Amino acid sequence: MRNLKVWDRAGKLWVRLRERCRGDAGMVTSEYAMGIIAAVGFALLLYEVVTSGQVKAELQAIVKRALSARM
């Protein structure tokens, strides 16, 4: 009898935890739009850094060293 009470309480606890976790299923449209804008901004910043003269020269030097390495 006592064992049934424990399982009943555990089941109710599980239901409450599951309901709390489902409270916010995802982003709303405005949050989604802001996330996309932030991601595009970050991508543009990263593109500008990678294609800048100094970084481009360093990346080319790394690739040249990697391709000219003896095996």
PDB file of N, CA and C in Angstrom:
ATOM      1  N   MET A   1       0.823  -1.191   0.000  1.00  0.00           N
ATOM      2  CA  MET A   1       0.000   0.000   0.000  1.00  0.00           C
ATOM      3  C   MET A   1       0.868   1.256   0.000  1.00  0.00           C
ATOM      4  N   ARG A   2       1.875   1.247   0.845  1.00  0.00           N
ATOM      5  CA  ARG A   2       2.778   2.395   0.933  1.00  0.00           C
ATOM      6  C   ARG A   2       3.537   2.572  -0.379  1.00  0.00           C
ATOM      7  N   ASN A   3       3.860   1.471  -1.025  1.00  0.00           N
ATOM      8  CA  ASN A   3       4.585   1.511  -2.291  1.00  0.00           C
ATOM      9  C   ASN A   3       3.766   2.226  -3.365  1.00  0.00           C
ATOM     10  N   LEU A   4       2.446   2.038  -3.352  1.00  0.00           N
ATOM     11  CA  LEU A   4       1.581   2.713  -4.319  1.00  0.00           C
ATOM     12  C   LEU A   4       1.577   4.222  -4.106  1.00  0.00           C
ATOM     13  N   LYS A   5       1.614   4.664  -2.855  1.00  0.00           N
ATOM     14  CA  LYS A   5       1.643   6.096  -2.565  1.00  0.00           C
ATOM     15  C   LYS A   5       2.927   6.731  -3.091  1.00  0.00           C
ATOM     16  N   VAL A   6       4.028   6.023  -2.941  1.00  0.00           N
ATOM     17  CA  VAL A   6       5.312   6.538  -3.429  1.00  0.00           C
ATOM     18  C   VAL A   6       5.265   6.697  -4.939  1.00  0.00           C
ATOM     19  N   TRP A   7       4.747   5.685  -5.627  1.00  0.00           N
ATOM     20  CA  TRP A   7       4.668   5.758  -7.094  1.00  0.00           C
ATOM     21  C   TRP A   7       3.685   6.829  -7.547  1.00  0.00           C
ATOM     22  N   ASP A   8       2.611   7.003  -6.798  1.00  0.00           N
ATOM     23  CA  ASP A   8       1.634   8.037  -7.128  1.00  0.00           C
ATOM     24  C   ASP A   8       2.260   9.425  -6.993  1.00  0.00           C
ATOM     25  N   ARG A   9       2.990   9.648  -5.915  1.00  0.00           N
ATOM     26  CA  ARG A   9       3.658  10.936  -5.716  1.00  0.00           C
ATOM     27  C   ARG A   9       4.729  11.163  -6.772  1.00  0.00           C
ATOM     28  N   ALA A  10       5.465  10.117  -7.109  1.00  0.00           N
ATOM     29  CA  ALA A  10       6.501  10.246  -8.135  1.00  0.00           C
ATOM     30  C   ALA A  10       5.882  10.580  -9.486  1.00  0.00           C
ATOM     31  N   GLY A  11       4.750   9.959  -9.785  1.00  0.00           N
ATOM     32  CA  GLY A  11       4.060  10.245 -11.042  1.00  0.00           C
ATOM     33  C   GLY A  11       3.575  11.685 -11.113  1.00  0.00           C
ATOM     34  N   LYS A  12       3.020  12.176 -10.014  1.00  0.00           N
ATOM     35  CA  LYS A  12       2.553  13.562  -9.981  1.00  0.00           C
ATOM     36  C   LYS A  12       3.722  14.532 -10.113  1.00  0.00           C
ATOM     37  N   LEU A  13       4.835  14.218  -9.468  1.00  0.00           N
ATOM     38  CA  LEU A  13       6.029  15.054  -9.581  1.00  0.00           C
ATOM     39  C   LEU A  13       6.526  15.078 -11.020  1.00  0.00           C
ATOM     40  N   TRP A  14       6.525  13.929 -11.660  1.00  0.00           N
ATOM     41  CA  TRP A  14       6.966  13.845 -13.057  1.00  0.00           C
ATOM     42  C   TRP A  14       6.084  14.705 -13.963  1.00  0.00           C
ATOM     43  N   VAL A  15       4.781  14.660 -13.743  1.00  0.00           N
ATOM     44  CA  VAL A  15       3.856  15.460 -14.551  1.00  0.00           C
ATOM     45  C   VAL A  15       4.124  16.947 -14.345  1.00  0.00           C
ATOM     46  N   ARG A  16       4.338  17.370 -13.103  1.00  0.00           N
ATOM     47  CA  ARG A  16       4.615  18.787 -12.835  1.00  0.00           C
ATOM     48  C   ARG A  16       5.918  19.234 -13.481  1.00  0.00           C
ATOM     49  N   LEU A  17       6.950  18.410 -13.383  1.00  0.00           N
ATOM     50  CA  LEU A  17       8.230  18.761 -14.005  1.00  0.00           C
ATOM     51  C   LEU A  17       8.106  18.850 -15.521  1.00  0.00           C
ATOM     52  N   ARG A  18       7.384  17.921 -16.100  1.00  0.00           N
ATOM     53  CA  ARG A  18       7.207  17.914 -17.553  1.00  0.00           C
ATOM     54  C   ARG A  18       6.445  19.152 -18.014  1.00  0.00           C
ATOM     55  N   GLU A  19       5.439  19.562 -17.269  1.00  0.00           N
ATOM     56  CA  GLU A  19       4.664  20.749 -17.623  1.00  0.00           C
ATOM     57  C   GLU A  19       5.507  22.014 -17.511  1.00  0.00           C
ATOM     58  N   ARG A  20       6.375  22.087 -16.515  1.00  0.00           N
ATOM     59  CA  ARG A  20       7.239  23.261 -16.368  1.00  0.00           C
ATOM     60  C   ARG A  20       8.239  23.362 -17.509  1.00  0.00           C
ATOM     61  N   CYS A  21       8.748  22.242 -17.952  1.00  0.00           N
ATOM     62  CA  CYS A  21       9.721  22.249 -19.044  1.00  0.00           C
ATOM     63  C   CYS A  21       9.079  22.625 -20.369  1.00  0.00           C
ATOM     64  N   ARG A  22       7.815  22.367 -20.527  1.00  0.00           N
ATOM     65  CA  ARG A  22       7.125  22.670 -21.780  1.00  0.00           C
ATOM     66  C   ARG A  22       6.580  24.094 -21.814  1.00  0.00           C
ATOM     67  N   GLY A  23       6.840  24.883 -20.797  1.00  0.00           N
ATOM     68  CA  GLY A  23       6.266  26.215 -20.715  1.00  0.00           C
ATOM     69  C   GLY A  23       6.596  27.110 -21.894  1.00  0.00           C
ATOM     70  N   ASP A  24       7.825  27.053 -22.401  1.00  0.00           N
ATOM     71  CA  ASP A  24       8.231  27.895 -23.521  1.00  0.00           C
ATOM     72  C   ASP A  24       8.807  26.983 -24.589  1.00  0.00           C
ATOM     73  N   ALA A  25       8.007  26.700 -25.598  1.00  0.00           N
ATOM     74  CA  ALA A  25       8.391  25.713 -26.605  1.00  0.00           C
ATOM     75  C   ALA A  25       9.461  26.219 -27.557  1.00  0.00           C
ATOM     76  N   GLY A  26       9.586  27.508 -27.751  1.00  0.00           N
ATOM     77  CA  GLY A  26      10.573  28.028 -28.690  1.00  0.00           C
ATOM     78  C   GLY A  26      10.476  29.530 -28.805  1.00  0.00           C
ATOM     79  N   MET A  27      11.157  30.047 -29.800  1.00  0.00           N
ATOM     80  CA  MET A  27      11.175  31.486 -29.999  1.00  0.00           C
ATOM     81  C   MET A  27       9.913  31.941 -30.725  1.00  0.00           C
ATOM     82  N   VAL A  28       9.458  33.120 -30.368  1.00  0.00           N
ATOM     83  CA  VAL A  28       8.377  33.736 -31.127  1.00  0.00           C
ATOM     84  C   VAL A  28       8.982  34.398 -32.353  1.00  0.00           C
ATOM     85  N   THR A  29       8.159  34.869 -33.249  1.00  0.00           N
ATOM     86  CA  THR A  29       8.631  35.409 -34.521  1.00  0.00           C
ATOM     87  C   THR A  29       9.604  36.565 -34.331  1.00  0.00           C
ATOM     88  N   SER A  30       9.329  37.460 -33.407  1.00  0.00           N
ATOM     89  CA  SER A  30      10.226  38.604 -33.204  1.00  0.00           C
ATOM     90  C   SER A  30      11.585  38.153 -32.679  1.00  0.00           C
ATOM     91  N   GLU A  31      11.603  37.182 -31.775  1.00  0.00           N
ATOM     92  CA  GLU A  31      12.879  36.659 -31.281  1.00  0.00           C
ATOM     93  C   GLU A  31      13.636  35.956 -32.394  1.00  0.00           C
ATOM     94  N   TYR A  32      12.916  35.235 -33.226  1.00  0.00           N
ATOM     95  CA  TYR A  32      13.532  34.539 -34.348  1.00  0.00           C
ATOM     96  C   TYR A  32      14.152  35.548 -35.311  1.00  0.00           C
ATOM     97  N   ALA A  33      13.442  36.625 -35.598  1.00  0.00           N
ATOM     98  CA  ALA A  33      13.956  37.660 -36.498  1.00  0.00           C
ATOM     99  C   ALA A  33      15.197  38.323 -35.912  1.00  0.00           C
ATOM    100  N   MET A  34      15.178  38.622 -34.624  1.00  0.00           N
ATOM    101  CA  MET A  34      16.348  39.236 -33.989  1.00  0.00           C
ATOM    102  C   MET A  34      17.532  38.275 -33.990  1.00  0.00           C
ATOM    103  N   GLY A  35      17.276  36.998 -33.810  1.00  0.00           N
ATOM    104  CA  GLY A  35      18.349  36.005 -33.870  1.00  0.00           C
ATOM    105  C   GLY A  35      18.972  35.933 -35.247  1.00  0.00           C
ATOM    106  N   ILE A  36      18.143  36.001 -36.279  1.00  0.00           N
ATOM    107  CA  ILE A  36      18.661  35.978 -37.651  1.00  0.00           C
ATOM    108  C   ILE A  36      19.476  37.233 -37.933  1.00  0.00           C
ATOM    109  N   ILE A  37      18.982  38.387 -37.507  1.00  0.00           N
ATOM    110  CA  ILE A  37      19.710  39.639 -37.724  1.00  0.00           C
ATOM    111  C   ILE A  37      21.060  39.598 -37.013  1.00  0.00           C
ATOM    112  N   ALA A  38      21.087  39.097 -35.785  1.00  0.00           N
ATOM    113  CA  ALA A  38      22.346  38.995 -35.049  1.00  0.00           C
ATOM    114  C   ALA A  38      23.304  38.030 -35.734  1.00  0.00           C
ATOM    115  N   ALA A  39      22.800  36.911 -36.228  1.00  0.00           N
ATOM    116  CA  ALA A  39      23.654  35.931 -36.905  1.00  0.00           C
ATOM    117  C   ALA A  39      24.222  36.500 -38.199  1.00  0.00           C
ATOM    118  N   VAL A  40      23.411  37.227 -38.948  1.00  0.00           N
ATOM    119  CA  VAL A  40      23.890  37.844 -40.191  1.00  0.00           C
ATOM    120  C   VAL A  40      24.932  38.912 -39.882  1.00  0.00           C
ATOM    121  N   GLY A  41      24.700  39.696 -38.855  1.00  0.00           N
ATOM    122  CA  GLY A  41      25.680  40.707 -38.451  1.00  0.00           C
ATOM    123  C   GLY A  41      27.002  40.083 -38.055  1.00  0.00           C
ATOM    124  N   PHE A  42      26.943  39.007 -37.295  1.00  0.00           N
ATOM    125  CA  PHE A  42      28.165  38.316 -36.893  1.00  0.00           C
ATOM    126  C   PHE A  42      28.870  37.719 -38.101  1.00  0.00           C
ATOM    127  N   ALA A  43      28.110  37.160 -39.040  1.00  0.00           N
ATOM    128  CA  ALA A  43      28.707  36.590 -40.250  1.00  0.00           C
ATOM    129  C   ALA A  43      29.398  37.669 -41.073  1.00  0.00           C
ATOM    130  N   LEU A  44      28.780  38.845 -41.184  1.00  0.00           N
ATOM    131  CA  LEU A  44      29.409  39.946 -41.919  1.00  0.00           C
ATOM    132  C   LEU A  44      30.695  40.409 -41.244  1.00  0.00           C
ATOM    133  N   LEU A  45      30.664  40.505 -39.932  1.00  0.00           N
ATOM    134  CA  LEU A  45      31.864  40.890 -39.188  1.00  0.00           C
ATOM    135  C   LEU A  45      32.975  39.870 -39.391  1.00  0.00           C
ATOM    136  N   LEU A  46      32.647  38.609 -39.292  1.00  0.00           N
ATOM    137  CA  LEU A  46      33.633  37.550 -39.491  1.00  0.00           C
ATOM    138  C   LEU A  46      34.179  37.572 -40.911  1.00  0.00           C
ATOM    139  N   TYR A  47      33.322  37.799 -41.891  1.00  0.00           N
ATOM    140  CA  TYR A  47      33.752  37.880 -43.289  1.00  0.00           C
ATOM    141  C   TYR A  47      34.728  39.039 -43.484  1.00  0.00           C
ATOM    142  N   GLU A  48      34.424  40.184 -42.894  1.00  0.00           N
ATOM    143  CA  GLU A  48      35.311  41.343 -43.017  1.00  0.00           C
ATOM    144  C   GLU A  48      36.671  41.069 -42.382  1.00  0.00           C
ATOM    145  N   VAL A  49      36.679  40.396 -41.251  1.00  0.00           N
ATOM    146  CA  VAL A  49      37.947  40.086 -40.584  1.00  0.00           C
ATOM    147  C   VAL A  49      38.759  39.101 -41.414  1.00  0.00           C
ATOM    148  N   VAL A  50      38.117  38.053 -41.901  1.00  0.00           N
ATOM    149  CA  VAL A  50      38.838  37.010 -42.638  1.00  0.00           C
ATOM    150  C   VAL A  50      39.347  37.527 -43.974  1.00  0.00           C
ATOM    151  N   THR A  51      38.614  38.418 -44.615  1.00  0.00           N
ATOM    152  CA  THR A  51      39.044  38.915 -45.926  1.00  0.00           C
ATOM    153  C   THR A  51      39.910  40.163 -45.829  1.00  0.00           C
ATOM    154  N   SER A  52      40.226  40.619 -44.626  1.00  0.00           N
ATOM    155  CA  SER A  52      41.123  41.769 -44.499  1.00  0.00           C
ATOM    156  C   SER A  52      42.523  41.361 -44.952  1.00  0.00           C
ATOM    157  N   GLY A  53      43.314  42.330 -45.360  1.00  0.00           N
ATOM    158  CA  GLY A  53      44.626  42.057 -45.930  1.00  0.00           C
ATOM    159  C   GLY A  53      45.546  41.262 -45.027  1.00  0.00           C
ATOM    160  N   GLN A  54      45.654  41.658 -43.776  1.00  0.00           N
ATOM    161  CA  GLN A  54      46.581  41.007 -42.856  1.00  0.00           C
ATOM    162  C   GLN A  54      46.163  39.566 -42.569  1.00  0.00           C
ATOM    163  N   VAL A  55      44.911  39.350 -42.285  1.00  0.00           N
ATOM    164  CA  VAL A  55      44.434  38.000 -41.982  1.00  0.00           C
ATOM    165  C   VAL A  55      44.512  37.121 -43.223  1.00  0.00           C
ATOM    166  N   LYS A  56      44.176  37.682 -44.369  1.00  0.00           N
ATOM    167  CA  LYS A  56      44.237  36.930 -45.620  1.00  0.00           C
ATOM    168  C   LYS A  56      45.666  36.473 -45.897  1.00  0.00           C
ATOM    169  N   ALA A  57      46.639  37.359 -45.686  1.00  0.00           N
ATOM    170  CA  ALA A  57      48.047  37.008 -45.894  1.00  0.00           C
ATOM    171  C   ALA A  57      48.485  35.909 -44.928  1.00  0.00           C
ATOM    172  N   GLU A  58      48.057  36.003 -43.680  1.00  0.00           N
ATOM    173  CA  GLU A  58      48.410  34.975 -42.692  1.00  0.00           C
ATOM    174  C   GLU A  58      47.805  33.625 -43.064  1.00  0.00           C
ATOM    175  N   LEU A  59      46.554  33.628 -43.482  1.00  0.00           N
ATOM    176  CA  LEU A  59      45.911  32.370 -43.880  1.00  0.00           C
ATOM    177  C   LEU A  59      46.596  31.759 -45.098  1.00  0.00           C
ATOM    178  N   GLN A  60      46.987  32.597 -46.059  1.00  0.00           N
ATOM    179  CA  GLN A  60      47.700  32.094 -47.231  1.00  0.00           C
ATOM    180  C   GLN A  60      49.049  31.510 -46.834  1.00  0.00           C
ATOM    181  N   ALA A  61      49.740  32.152 -45.896  1.00  0.00           N
ATOM    182  CA  ALA A  61      51.031  31.641 -45.432  1.00  0.00           C
ATOM    183  C   ALA A  61      50.861  30.289 -44.743  1.00  0.00           C
ATOM    184  N   ILE A  62      49.815  30.146 -43.957  1.00  0.00           N
ATOM    185  CA  ILE A  62      49.562  28.869 -43.273  1.00  0.00           C
ATOM    186  C   ILE A  62      49.289  27.770 -44.289  1.00  0.00           C
ATOM    187  N   VAL A  63      48.484  28.071 -45.295  1.00  0.00           N
ATOM    188  CA  VAL A  63      48.170  27.074 -46.324  1.00  0.00           C
ATOM    189  C   VAL A  63      49.419  26.709 -47.111  1.00  0.00           C
ATOM    190  N   LYS A  64      50.255  27.695 -47.456  1.00  0.00           N
ATOM    191  CA  LYS A  64      51.494  27.416 -48.196  1.00  0.00           C
ATOM    192  C   LYS A  64      52.416  26.510 -47.389  1.00  0.00           C
ATOM    193  N   ARG A  65      52.554  26.813 -46.089  1.00  0.00           N
ATOM    194  CA  ARG A  65      53.399  25.959 -45.236  1.00  0.00           C
ATOM    195  C   ARG A  65      52.840  24.550 -45.146  1.00  0.00           C
ATOM    196  N   ALA A  66      51.534  24.431 -45.062  1.00  0.00           N
ATOM    197  CA  ALA A  66      50.918  23.103 -44.961  1.00  0.00           C
ATOM    198  C   ALA A  66      51.107  22.312 -46.249  1.00  0.00           C
ATOM    199  N   LEU A  67      50.998  22.979 -47.386  1.00  0.00           N
ATOM    200  CA  LEU A  67      51.136  22.281 -48.665  1.00  0.00           C
ATOM    201  C   LEU A  67      52.582  21.962 -49.008  1.00  0.00           C
ATOM    202  N   SER A  68      53.520  22.734 -48.480  1.00  0.00           N
ATOM    203  CA  SER A  68      54.924  22.488 -48.803  1.00  0.00           C
ATOM    204  C   SER A  68      55.616  21.589 -47.780  1.00  0.00           C
ATOM    205  N   ALA A  69      54.905  21.117 -46.794  1.00  0.00           N
ATOM    206  CA  ALA A  69      55.502  20.242 -45.778  1.00  0.00           C
ATOM    207  C   ALA A  69      55.826  18.885 -46.381  1.00  0.00           C
ATOM    208  N   ARG A  70      56.965  18.337 -45.960  1.00  0.00           N
ATOM    209  CA  ARG A  70      57.362  17.007 -46.442  1.00  0.00           C
ATOM    210  C   ARG A  70      56.653  15.932 -45.627  1.00  0.00           C
ATOM    211  N   MET A  71      56.342  14.855 -46.311  1.00  0.00           N
ATOM    212  CA  MET A  71      55.661  13.752 -45.626  1.00  0.00           C
ATOM    213  C   MET A  71      56.610  12.609 -45.422  1.00  0.00           C
TER     214      MET A  71
END
